[in-house]
Amino acid sequence: MMNHRLYNISELLQILQPVRKLIANDSLQIDTLAYDSRKLPHARSSLFFALMGLRDGHQFVEEAYMLGVRNFVVSDPTVMYAEKYPEGNFLQVGDSLKAMQLLATYHRSLFQYPVLAITGSNGKTVVKDWLYQLLSPEFRIVRSPKSFNSQLGVALSLWQMSDAYDLAIIEAGISRQGEMDNLARMIQPT
């Protein structure tokens, strides 16, 4: 059950406020957030975030482009080569993960149905799944897939929200001090 909202490039520019942009085709629309070039079910409508972590996501921009992705959020200004990626839309931001979180926060704000947030040291996924089982006969529920409860996982979980649902159950987990404030801002639990 998806019915996901489509975002156009001009909306993304307003939401993300990139420091630099290279727009080859402003008519493209996105409905999928991508961060792994091995997982691109809808490449043409994906927005690929070159995340910095254990690996540098910028190393996979070329692969994602070759697989059909045309919309990218990058933090490395040297990736924006018009001659290398002539059909690509590139939005350069200070931090790609923060940009994804900003977009997920905006997306979440479009929905007025209840949002439950589940947190704690242990058992978040089990509790989420139990609640889903108990409430699903009465509600159309969107929930965090698997145990997507990290800074990245919460953004991806919120991105699933659509008008097809009337309740959201989102897991929130932290690994460092101060992360819960960021997750709470994204989730806006009711």
N, C-alpha and C. Protein backbone atom coordinates (compact mmCIF):
# COMPACT_ATOMS: atom_id res chain seq x y z
N MET A 1 0.86 -1.17 0.00
CA MET A 1 0.00 0.00 0.00
C MET A 1 0.91 1.23 0.00
N MET A 2 1.06 1.92 -1.13
CA MET A 2 2.02 3.01 -1.13
C MET A 2 1.42 4.36 -1.49
N ASN A 3 0.94 4.62 -2.67
CA ASN A 3 0.40 5.93 -3.06
C ASN A 3 1.29 7.08 -2.61
N HIS A 4 2.55 7.01 -2.91
CA HIS A 4 3.50 8.00 -2.41
C HIS A 4 3.40 9.31 -3.17
N ARG A 5 3.57 10.39 -2.46
CA ARG A 5 3.57 11.73 -3.04
C ARG A 5 4.81 11.91 -3.89
N LEU A 6 4.64 12.55 -5.03
CA LEU A 6 5.77 12.86 -5.90
C LEU A 6 6.28 14.27 -5.57
N TYR A 7 7.59 14.42 -5.58
CA TYR A 7 8.22 15.72 -5.37
C TYR A 7 8.92 16.12 -6.65
N ASN A 8 8.79 17.38 -7.04
CA ASN A 8 9.53 17.86 -8.21
C ASN A 8 10.78 18.61 -7.75
N ILE A 9 11.62 18.91 -8.69
CA ILE A 9 12.91 19.53 -8.38
C ILE A 9 12.74 20.89 -7.70
N SER A 10 11.79 21.68 -8.15
CA SER A 10 11.62 23.01 -7.53
C SER A 10 11.23 22.87 -6.06
N GLU A 11 10.41 21.88 -5.71
CA GLU A 11 10.07 21.64 -4.30
C GLU A 11 11.31 21.24 -3.50
N LEU A 12 12.11 20.36 -4.08
CA LEU A 12 13.33 19.92 -3.39
C LEU A 12 14.27 21.09 -3.14
N LEU A 13 14.37 21.99 -4.10
CA LEU A 13 15.22 23.17 -3.94
C LEU A 13 14.74 24.03 -2.78
N GLN A 14 13.43 24.20 -2.66
CA GLN A 14 12.87 25.01 -1.57
C GLN A 14 13.08 24.34 -0.22
N ILE A 15 12.91 23.03 -0.15
CA ILE A 15 13.01 22.31 1.12
C ILE A 15 14.47 22.20 1.56
N LEU A 16 15.35 21.81 0.64
CA LEU A 16 16.73 21.51 1.00
C LEU A 16 17.66 22.72 0.98
N GLN A 17 17.30 23.77 0.27
CA GLN A 17 18.13 24.98 0.20
C GLN A 17 19.60 24.64 -0.07
N PRO A 18 19.90 23.99 -1.20
CA PRO A 18 21.29 23.61 -1.47
C PRO A 18 22.20 24.83 -1.61
N VAL A 19 23.48 24.63 -1.28
CA VAL A 19 24.45 25.72 -1.42
C VAL A 19 24.83 25.90 -2.90
N ARG A 20 24.64 24.87 -3.67
CA ARG A 20 24.94 24.90 -5.10
C ARG A 20 24.05 23.87 -5.78
N LYS A 21 23.67 24.15 -7.01
CA LYS A 21 22.83 23.21 -7.74
C LYS A 21 23.24 23.14 -9.20
N LEU A 22 23.01 21.97 -9.78
CA LEU A 22 23.23 21.75 -11.20
C LEU A 22 22.00 20.99 -11.68
N ILE A 23 21.13 21.67 -12.42
CA ILE A 23 19.86 21.08 -12.83
C ILE A 23 19.87 20.88 -14.34
N ALA A 24 19.83 19.62 -14.76
CA ALA A 24 19.80 19.29 -16.17
C ALA A 24 18.37 19.12 -16.67
N ASN A 25 17.48 18.65 -15.77
CA ASN A 25 16.10 18.39 -16.17
C ASN A 25 15.19 18.68 -14.99
N ASP A 26 14.53 19.83 -15.01
CA ASP A 26 13.69 20.20 -13.87
C ASP A 26 12.30 19.58 -13.91
N SER A 27 12.02 18.74 -14.89
CA SER A 27 10.71 18.07 -14.96
C SER A 27 10.71 16.71 -14.27
N LEU A 28 11.87 16.24 -13.82
CA LEU A 28 11.92 14.94 -13.15
C LEU A 28 11.25 15.00 -11.79
N GLN A 29 10.61 13.90 -11.41
CA GLN A 29 9.96 13.81 -10.11
C GLN A 29 10.55 12.65 -9.33
N ILE A 30 10.54 12.78 -8.02
CA ILE A 30 11.07 11.70 -7.18
C ILE A 30 9.99 11.21 -6.21
N ASP A 31 10.07 9.91 -5.92
CA ASP A 31 9.19 9.32 -4.92
C ASP A 31 9.94 8.33 -4.03
N THR A 32 11.24 8.16 -4.29
CA THR A 32 12.03 7.19 -3.56
C THR A 32 13.33 7.84 -3.06
N LEU A 33 13.67 7.55 -1.80
CA LEU A 33 14.95 7.99 -1.27
C LEU A 33 15.92 6.83 -1.38
N ALA A 34 17.10 7.09 -1.94
CA ALA A 34 18.10 6.03 -2.13
C ALA A 34 19.41 6.45 -1.50
N TYR A 35 20.14 5.47 -1.01
CA TYR A 35 21.46 5.73 -0.42
C TYR A 35 22.42 4.60 -0.73
N ASP A 36 21.94 3.55 -1.38
CA ASP A 36 22.74 2.37 -1.69
C ASP A 36 22.55 2.03 -3.16
N SER A 37 23.62 2.10 -3.92
CA SER A 37 23.51 1.86 -5.36
C SER A 37 23.14 0.42 -5.69
N ARG A 38 23.20 -0.47 -4.71
CA ARG A 38 22.80 -1.86 -4.92
C ARG A 38 21.30 -2.06 -4.72
N LYS A 39 20.63 -1.04 -4.19
CA LYS A 39 19.20 -1.13 -3.90
C LYS A 39 18.48 0.05 -4.56
N LEU A 40 18.19 -0.12 -5.83
CA LEU A 40 17.53 0.95 -6.58
C LEU A 40 16.31 0.40 -7.33
N PRO A 41 15.22 0.13 -6.61
CA PRO A 41 14.05 -0.46 -7.27
C PRO A 41 13.39 0.49 -8.27
N HIS A 42 13.49 1.78 -8.05
CA HIS A 42 12.90 2.80 -8.93
C HIS A 42 13.95 3.86 -9.24
N ALA A 43 14.97 3.47 -9.96
CA ALA A 43 16.10 4.37 -10.19
C ALA A 43 15.69 5.71 -10.77
N ARG A 44 14.82 5.70 -11.75
CA ARG A 44 14.46 6.94 -12.45
C ARG A 44 13.77 7.94 -11.52
N SER A 45 13.01 7.45 -10.54
CA SER A 45 12.31 8.36 -9.63
C SER A 45 12.96 8.42 -8.25
N SER A 46 14.23 8.02 -8.18
CA SER A 46 14.96 8.05 -6.91
C SER A 46 15.74 9.35 -6.74
N LEU A 47 15.89 9.74 -5.49
CA LEU A 47 16.79 10.82 -5.10
C LEU A 47 17.90 10.14 -4.32
N PHE A 48 19.10 10.10 -4.91
CA PHE A 48 20.23 9.39 -4.32
C PHE A 48 21.01 10.34 -3.41
N PHE A 49 21.15 9.94 -2.15
CA PHE A 49 21.91 10.71 -1.17
C PHE A 49 23.28 10.09 -1.02
N ALA A 50 24.32 10.84 -1.34
CA ALA A 50 25.71 10.37 -1.17
C ALA A 50 26.09 10.61 0.28
N LEU A 51 25.87 9.58 1.10
CA LEU A 51 26.08 9.69 2.54
C LEU A 51 27.54 9.44 2.89
N MET A 52 27.97 10.12 3.93
CA MET A 52 29.32 9.93 4.46
C MET A 52 29.20 9.10 5.72
N GLY A 53 29.94 8.02 5.78
CA GLY A 53 29.91 7.16 6.96
C GLY A 53 31.14 6.28 6.91
N LEU A 54 30.94 4.99 7.09
CA LEU A 54 32.06 4.06 6.95
C LEU A 54 32.62 4.11 5.54
N ARG A 55 31.74 4.38 4.59
CA ARG A 55 32.16 4.54 3.20
C ARG A 55 31.67 5.89 2.70
N ASP A 56 32.32 6.40 1.69
CA ASP A 56 31.95 7.67 1.09
C ASP A 56 30.95 7.42 -0.03
N GLY A 57 29.71 7.83 0.19
CA GLY A 57 28.65 7.61 -0.80
C GLY A 57 28.91 8.25 -2.14
N HIS A 58 29.80 9.23 -2.19
CA HIS A 58 30.13 9.88 -3.47
C HIS A 58 30.81 8.90 -4.42
N GLN A 59 31.43 7.87 -3.88
CA GLN A 59 32.08 6.86 -4.72
C GLN A 59 31.07 6.05 -5.53
N PHE A 60 29.80 6.13 -5.17
CA PHE A 60 28.77 5.33 -5.83
C PHE A 60 27.83 6.15 -6.70
N VAL A 61 28.11 7.44 -6.84
CA VAL A 61 27.29 8.30 -7.70
C VAL A 61 27.34 7.82 -9.14
N GLU A 62 28.52 7.52 -9.63
CA GLU A 62 28.65 7.08 -11.02
C GLU A 62 27.87 5.78 -11.26
N GLU A 63 27.98 4.83 -10.34
CA GLU A 63 27.24 3.56 -10.48
C GLU A 63 25.73 3.81 -10.47
N ALA A 64 25.27 4.66 -9.55
CA ALA A 64 23.84 4.96 -9.49
C ALA A 64 23.39 5.65 -10.78
N TYR A 65 24.21 6.54 -11.30
CA TYR A 65 23.88 7.22 -12.56
C TYR A 65 23.77 6.21 -13.70
N MET A 66 24.71 5.28 -13.76
CA MET A 66 24.70 4.26 -14.82
C MET A 66 23.46 3.35 -14.70
N LEU A 67 22.93 3.21 -13.49
CA LEU A 67 21.73 2.39 -13.26
C LEU A 67 20.43 3.16 -13.49
N GLY A 68 20.54 4.46 -13.83
CA GLY A 68 19.35 5.23 -14.18
C GLY A 68 18.97 6.35 -13.23
N VAL A 69 19.66 6.50 -12.11
CA VAL A 69 19.36 7.60 -11.19
C VAL A 69 19.77 8.92 -11.84
N ARG A 70 18.92 9.93 -11.71
CA ARG A 70 19.22 11.23 -12.29
C ARG A 70 19.16 12.37 -11.28
N ASN A 71 18.79 12.07 -10.05
CA ASN A 71 18.67 13.09 -9.01
C ASN A 71 19.57 12.73 -7.84
N PHE A 72 20.44 13.66 -7.45
CA PHE A 72 21.45 13.39 -6.43
C PHE A 72 21.54 14.52 -5.42
N VAL A 73 21.79 14.13 -4.17
CA VAL A 73 22.13 15.08 -3.11
C VAL A 73 23.55 14.72 -2.68
N VAL A 74 24.44 15.67 -2.83
CA VAL A 74 25.86 15.44 -2.54
C VAL A 74 26.37 16.53 -1.60
N SER A 75 27.48 16.22 -0.93
CA SER A 75 28.13 17.26 -0.12
C SER A 75 29.51 17.59 -0.67
N ASP A 76 30.02 16.77 -1.56
CA ASP A 76 31.32 16.99 -2.19
C ASP A 76 31.12 17.77 -3.49
N PRO A 77 31.57 19.02 -3.57
CA PRO A 77 31.32 19.82 -4.77
C PRO A 77 32.01 19.30 -6.02
N THR A 78 33.02 18.47 -5.88
CA THR A 78 33.73 17.97 -7.06
C THR A 78 32.94 16.90 -7.81
N VAL A 79 31.84 16.40 -7.24
CA VAL A 79 31.04 15.36 -7.89
C VAL A 79 30.13 15.95 -8.96
N MET A 80 29.87 17.24 -8.92
CA MET A 80 28.91 17.87 -9.81
C MET A 80 29.53 18.21 -11.18
N TYR A 81 29.76 17.20 -11.99
CA TYR A 81 30.35 17.41 -13.30
C TYR A 81 29.27 17.34 -14.37
N ALA A 82 28.98 18.45 -14.98
CA ALA A 82 27.97 18.48 -16.03
C ALA A 82 28.37 17.61 -17.21
N GLU A 83 29.67 17.59 -17.53
CA GLU A 83 30.11 16.80 -18.69
C GLU A 83 30.10 15.30 -18.39
N LYS A 84 30.29 14.91 -17.13
CA LYS A 84 30.32 13.49 -16.76
C LYS A 84 28.91 12.94 -16.57
N TYR A 85 28.00 13.77 -16.06
CA TYR A 85 26.63 13.35 -15.78
C TYR A 85 25.67 14.34 -16.44
N PRO A 86 25.60 14.36 -17.78
CA PRO A 86 24.87 15.40 -18.49
C PRO A 86 23.36 15.44 -18.22
N GLU A 87 22.78 14.32 -17.78
CA GLU A 87 21.34 14.29 -17.52
C GLU A 87 21.02 14.37 -16.02
N GLY A 88 22.03 14.64 -15.21
CA GLY A 88 21.84 14.60 -13.76
C GLY A 88 21.46 15.92 -13.14
N ASN A 89 20.63 15.83 -12.12
CA ASN A 89 20.30 16.96 -11.26
C ASN A 89 21.09 16.76 -9.97
N PHE A 90 21.91 17.74 -9.60
CA PHE A 90 22.75 17.64 -8.41
C PHE A 90 22.45 18.80 -7.47
N LEU A 91 22.17 18.45 -6.21
CA LEU A 91 21.96 19.44 -5.17
C LEU A 91 23.09 19.26 -4.16
N GLN A 92 23.93 20.27 -4.04
CA GLN A 92 25.04 20.20 -3.09
C GLN A 92 24.61 20.83 -1.78
N VAL A 93 24.76 20.06 -0.70
CA VAL A 93 24.39 20.51 0.64
C VAL A 93 25.60 20.34 1.56
N GLY A 94 25.51 20.86 2.75
CA GLY A 94 26.61 20.72 3.71
C GLY A 94 26.75 19.29 4.22
N ASP A 95 25.62 18.61 4.42
CA ASP A 95 25.62 17.26 4.99
C ASP A 95 24.45 16.50 4.37
N SER A 96 24.75 15.44 3.63
CA SER A 96 23.71 14.69 2.90
C SER A 96 22.72 14.02 3.84
N LEU A 97 23.17 13.49 4.97
CA LEU A 97 22.25 12.85 5.91
C LEU A 97 21.30 13.87 6.51
N LYS A 98 21.82 15.02 6.89
CA LYS A 98 20.95 16.07 7.43
C LYS A 98 19.93 16.53 6.38
N ALA A 99 20.33 16.55 5.12
CA ALA A 99 19.41 16.92 4.05
C ALA A 99 18.29 15.87 3.93
N MET A 100 18.66 14.59 4.02
CA MET A 100 17.64 13.54 3.97
C MET A 100 16.68 13.68 5.15
N GLN A 101 17.22 13.96 6.32
CA GLN A 101 16.39 14.13 7.51
C GLN A 101 15.47 15.34 7.38
N LEU A 102 15.97 16.40 6.80
CA LEU A 102 15.17 17.60 6.57
C LEU A 102 14.00 17.29 5.63
N LEU A 103 14.28 16.57 4.57
CA LEU A 103 13.23 16.19 3.62
C LEU A 103 12.22 15.26 4.28
N ALA A 104 12.69 14.30 5.08
CA ALA A 104 11.78 13.38 5.78
C ALA A 104 10.92 14.14 6.79
N THR A 105 11.51 15.13 7.47
CA THR A 105 10.76 15.95 8.43
C THR A 105 9.66 16.72 7.73
N TYR A 106 10.00 17.30 6.59
CA TYR A 106 9.00 18.02 5.81
C TYR A 106 7.88 17.07 5.37
N HIS A 107 8.28 15.91 4.85
CA HIS A 107 7.30 14.93 4.38
C HIS A 107 6.38 14.51 5.51
N ARG A 108 6.94 14.24 6.69
CA ARG A 108 6.14 13.84 7.84
C ARG A 108 5.13 14.93 8.21
N SER A 109 5.51 16.18 8.06
CA SER A 109 4.64 17.29 8.45
C SER A 109 3.38 17.39 7.59
N LEU A 110 3.35 16.71 6.47
CA LEU A 110 2.20 16.77 5.57
C LEU A 110 1.04 15.91 6.04
N PHE A 111 1.26 15.06 7.05
CA PHE A 111 0.24 14.10 7.48
C PHE A 111 -0.21 14.40 8.90
N GLN A 112 -1.51 14.37 9.09
CA GLN A 112 -2.10 14.75 10.38
C GLN A 112 -2.55 13.55 11.21
N TYR A 113 -2.37 12.34 10.72
CA TYR A 113 -2.81 11.19 11.52
C TYR A 113 -1.83 10.91 12.65
N PRO A 114 -2.28 10.14 13.66
CA PRO A 114 -1.42 9.88 14.83
C PRO A 114 -0.12 9.16 14.46
N VAL A 115 0.93 9.56 15.15
CA VAL A 115 2.24 8.94 14.98
C VAL A 115 2.72 8.49 16.35
N LEU A 116 2.91 7.18 16.49
CA LEU A 116 3.45 6.61 17.72
C LEU A 116 4.95 6.45 17.54
N ALA A 117 5.71 6.85 18.54
CA ALA A 117 7.16 6.64 18.52
C ALA A 117 7.50 5.64 19.61
N ILE A 118 8.32 4.66 19.26
CA ILE A 118 8.73 3.64 20.22
C ILE A 118 10.24 3.74 20.39
N THR A 119 10.66 3.87 21.64
CA THR A 119 12.08 3.96 21.93
C THR A 119 12.40 3.15 23.17
N GLY A 120 13.65 3.00 23.46
CA GLY A 120 14.09 2.25 24.63
C GLY A 120 15.36 1.49 24.31
N SER A 121 15.92 0.88 25.33
CA SER A 121 17.18 0.16 25.15
C SER A 121 17.01 -1.15 24.42
N ASN A 122 15.91 -1.85 24.69
CA ASN A 122 15.68 -3.16 24.10
C ASN A 122 14.20 -3.31 23.74
N GLY A 123 13.93 -4.15 22.74
CA GLY A 123 12.55 -4.55 22.45
C GLY A 123 11.74 -3.63 21.57
N LYS A 124 12.34 -2.62 20.97
CA LYS A 124 11.58 -1.67 20.15
C LYS A 124 10.89 -2.37 18.98
N THR A 125 11.61 -3.22 18.27
CA THR A 125 11.05 -3.88 17.09
C THR A 125 9.93 -4.83 17.48
N VAL A 126 10.12 -5.58 18.54
CA VAL A 126 9.09 -6.52 19.00
C VAL A 126 7.82 -5.76 19.40
N VAL A 127 7.98 -4.68 20.15
CA VAL A 127 6.82 -3.88 20.57
C VAL A 127 6.13 -3.30 19.35
N LYS A 128 6.90 -2.77 18.41
CA LYS A 128 6.31 -2.21 17.18
C LYS A 128 5.51 -3.28 16.45
N ASP A 129 6.06 -4.46 16.31
CA ASP A 129 5.36 -5.54 15.60
C ASP A 129 4.12 -6.01 16.35
N TRP A 130 4.19 -6.07 17.68
CA TRP A 130 3.01 -6.44 18.48
C TRP A 130 1.91 -5.40 18.31
N LEU A 131 2.28 -4.13 18.42
CA LEU A 131 1.28 -3.08 18.24
C LEU A 131 0.65 -3.14 16.85
N TYR A 132 1.47 -3.40 15.87
CA TYR A 132 0.95 -3.54 14.50
C TYR A 132 -0.09 -4.66 14.45
N GLN A 133 0.25 -5.82 15.00
CA GLN A 133 -0.67 -6.95 14.99
C GLN A 133 -1.98 -6.62 15.73
N LEU A 134 -1.87 -5.95 16.85
CA LEU A 134 -3.06 -5.60 17.64
C LEU A 134 -3.93 -4.55 16.97
N LEU A 135 -3.31 -3.56 16.34
CA LEU A 135 -4.05 -2.42 15.80
C LEU A 135 -4.43 -2.53 14.32
N SER A 136 -3.77 -3.43 13.59
CA SER A 136 -4.00 -3.49 12.14
C SER A 136 -5.43 -3.85 11.73
N PRO A 137 -6.21 -4.57 12.54
CA PRO A 137 -7.60 -4.77 12.11
C PRO A 137 -8.42 -3.48 12.07
N GLU A 138 -8.00 -2.47 12.86
CA GLU A 138 -8.77 -1.24 12.94
C GLU A 138 -8.14 -0.05 12.21
N PHE A 139 -6.84 -0.14 11.94
CA PHE A 139 -6.12 0.98 11.33
C PHE A 139 -5.31 0.51 10.12
N ARG A 140 -5.11 1.45 9.20
CA ARG A 140 -4.17 1.21 8.09
C ARG A 140 -2.84 1.80 8.57
N ILE A 141 -1.88 0.95 8.86
CA ILE A 141 -0.68 1.35 9.59
C ILE A 141 0.56 1.34 8.70
N VAL A 142 1.29 2.43 8.76
CA VAL A 142 2.63 2.49 8.18
C VAL A 142 3.59 2.35 9.36
N ARG A 143 4.64 1.56 9.19
CA ARG A 143 5.55 1.33 10.31
C ARG A 143 6.98 1.23 9.80
N SER A 144 7.89 1.41 10.72
CA SER A 144 9.31 1.27 10.40
C SER A 144 9.55 -0.14 9.88
N PRO A 145 10.22 -0.27 8.74
CA PRO A 145 10.56 -1.62 8.28
C PRO A 145 11.66 -2.21 9.16
N LYS A 146 11.59 -3.49 9.38
CA LYS A 146 12.61 -4.20 10.17
C LYS A 146 12.90 -3.41 11.44
N SER A 147 14.16 -3.09 11.69
CA SER A 147 14.49 -2.25 12.85
C SER A 147 15.17 -0.97 12.37
N PHE A 148 14.51 -0.28 11.46
CA PHE A 148 15.00 1.00 10.94
C PHE A 148 14.75 2.07 12.00
N ASN A 149 15.67 2.20 12.94
CA ASN A 149 15.45 3.16 14.03
C ASN A 149 16.61 4.12 14.23
N SER A 150 17.56 4.13 13.31
CA SER A 150 18.73 5.01 13.40
C SER A 150 18.42 6.37 12.79
N GLN A 151 19.42 7.24 12.76
CA GLN A 151 19.27 8.54 12.12
C GLN A 151 18.86 8.39 10.65
N LEU A 152 19.40 7.41 9.97
CA LEU A 152 19.03 7.11 8.58
C LEU A 152 17.70 6.36 8.54
N GLY A 153 17.55 5.34 9.37
CA GLY A 153 16.37 4.50 9.35
C GLY A 153 15.08 5.24 9.64
N VAL A 154 15.12 6.18 10.57
CA VAL A 154 13.91 6.95 10.89
C VAL A 154 13.50 7.79 9.69
N ALA A 155 14.47 8.42 9.03
CA ALA A 155 14.14 9.22 7.84
C ALA A 155 13.49 8.35 6.77
N LEU A 156 14.04 7.16 6.53
CA LEU A 156 13.47 6.25 5.54
C LEU A 156 12.09 5.76 5.97
N SER A 157 11.90 5.54 7.26
CA SER A 157 10.59 5.10 7.77
C SER A 157 9.54 6.18 7.56
N LEU A 158 9.87 7.41 7.88
CA LEU A 158 8.92 8.52 7.72
C LEU A 158 8.57 8.74 6.25
N TRP A 159 9.51 8.47 5.38
CA TRP A 159 9.30 8.67 3.94
C TRP A 159 8.18 7.77 3.42
N GLN A 160 7.87 6.68 4.12
CA GLN A 160 6.81 5.76 3.70
C GLN A 160 5.41 6.32 3.95
N MET A 161 5.31 7.36 4.76
CA MET A 161 3.99 7.90 5.09
C MET A 161 3.29 8.39 3.84
N SER A 162 1.98 8.10 3.78
CA SER A 162 1.17 8.57 2.67
C SER A 162 -0.28 8.64 3.11
N ASP A 163 -1.14 9.13 2.24
CA ASP A 163 -2.56 9.23 2.52
C ASP A 163 -3.23 7.86 2.59
N ALA A 164 -2.52 6.82 2.21
CA ALA A 164 -3.09 5.47 2.26
C ALA A 164 -3.18 4.94 3.68
N TYR A 165 -2.59 5.64 4.65
CA TYR A 165 -2.55 5.18 6.04
C TYR A 165 -3.29 6.13 6.95
N ASP A 166 -3.61 5.64 8.16
CA ASP A 166 -4.21 6.52 9.16
C ASP A 166 -3.55 6.38 10.54
N LEU A 167 -2.41 5.71 10.59
CA LEU A 167 -1.63 5.59 11.81
C LEU A 167 -0.19 5.22 11.43
N ALA A 168 0.77 5.81 12.13
CA ALA A 168 2.18 5.47 11.90
C ALA A 168 2.80 4.99 13.21
N ILE A 169 3.62 3.94 13.11
CA ILE A 169 4.38 3.45 14.26
C ILE A 169 5.85 3.49 13.86
N ILE A 170 6.61 4.35 14.51
CA ILE A 170 8.00 4.60 14.14
C ILE A 170 8.93 4.27 15.30
N GLU A 171 9.94 3.47 15.04
CA GLU A 171 10.96 3.15 16.03
C GLU A 171 12.02 4.26 16.06
N ALA A 172 12.56 4.52 17.23
CA ALA A 172 13.62 5.51 17.37
C ALA A 172 14.68 4.97 18.31
N GLY A 173 15.88 4.80 17.79
CA GLY A 173 16.99 4.31 18.59
C GLY A 173 18.18 5.25 18.47
N ILE A 174 18.98 5.29 19.50
CA ILE A 174 20.15 6.18 19.47
C ILE A 174 21.41 5.38 19.76
N SER A 175 22.51 5.92 19.28
CA SER A 175 23.81 5.31 19.58
C SER A 175 24.75 6.33 20.22
N ARG A 176 24.37 7.61 20.18
CA ARG A 176 25.18 8.67 20.77
C ARG A 176 24.30 9.66 21.51
N GLN A 177 24.90 10.33 22.45
CA GLN A 177 24.19 11.36 23.21
C GLN A 177 23.71 12.46 22.26
N GLY A 178 22.49 12.93 22.49
CA GLY A 178 21.95 14.04 21.71
C GLY A 178 21.17 13.63 20.47
N GLU A 179 21.24 12.37 20.07
CA GLU A 179 20.55 11.95 18.85
C GLU A 179 19.03 11.92 18.99
N MET A 180 18.53 11.68 20.19
CA MET A 180 17.07 11.57 20.36
C MET A 180 16.37 12.88 20.04
N ASP A 181 16.99 14.01 20.35
CA ASP A 181 16.37 15.31 20.01
C ASP A 181 16.15 15.41 18.51
N ASN A 182 17.13 14.99 17.75
CA ASN A 182 17.02 15.02 16.30
C ASN A 182 15.91 14.09 15.81
N LEU A 183 15.85 12.88 16.37
CA LEU A 183 14.81 11.93 15.98
C LEU A 183 13.43 12.44 16.34
N ALA A 184 13.30 13.04 17.52
CA ALA A 184 12.00 13.58 17.95
C ALA A 184 11.53 14.69 17.01
N ARG A 185 12.46 15.54 16.57
CA ARG A 185 12.10 16.61 15.61
C ARG A 185 11.60 16.02 14.31
N MET A 186 12.23 14.94 13.86
CA MET A 186 11.79 14.30 12.61
C MET A 186 10.44 13.63 12.78
N ILE A 187 10.29 12.83 13.82
CA ILE A 187 9.09 12.01 14.00
C ILE A 187 7.87 12.85 14.39
N GLN A 188 8.07 13.87 15.21
CA GLN A 188 6.95 14.69 15.72
C GLN A 188 5.85 13.77 16.24
N PRO A 189 6.16 12.92 17.24
CA PRO A 189 5.14 11.96 17.71
C PRO A 189 3.95 12.66 18.33
N THR A 190 2.80 12.06 18.15
CA THR A 190 1.57 12.62 18.74
C THR A 190 1.15 11.87 19.97
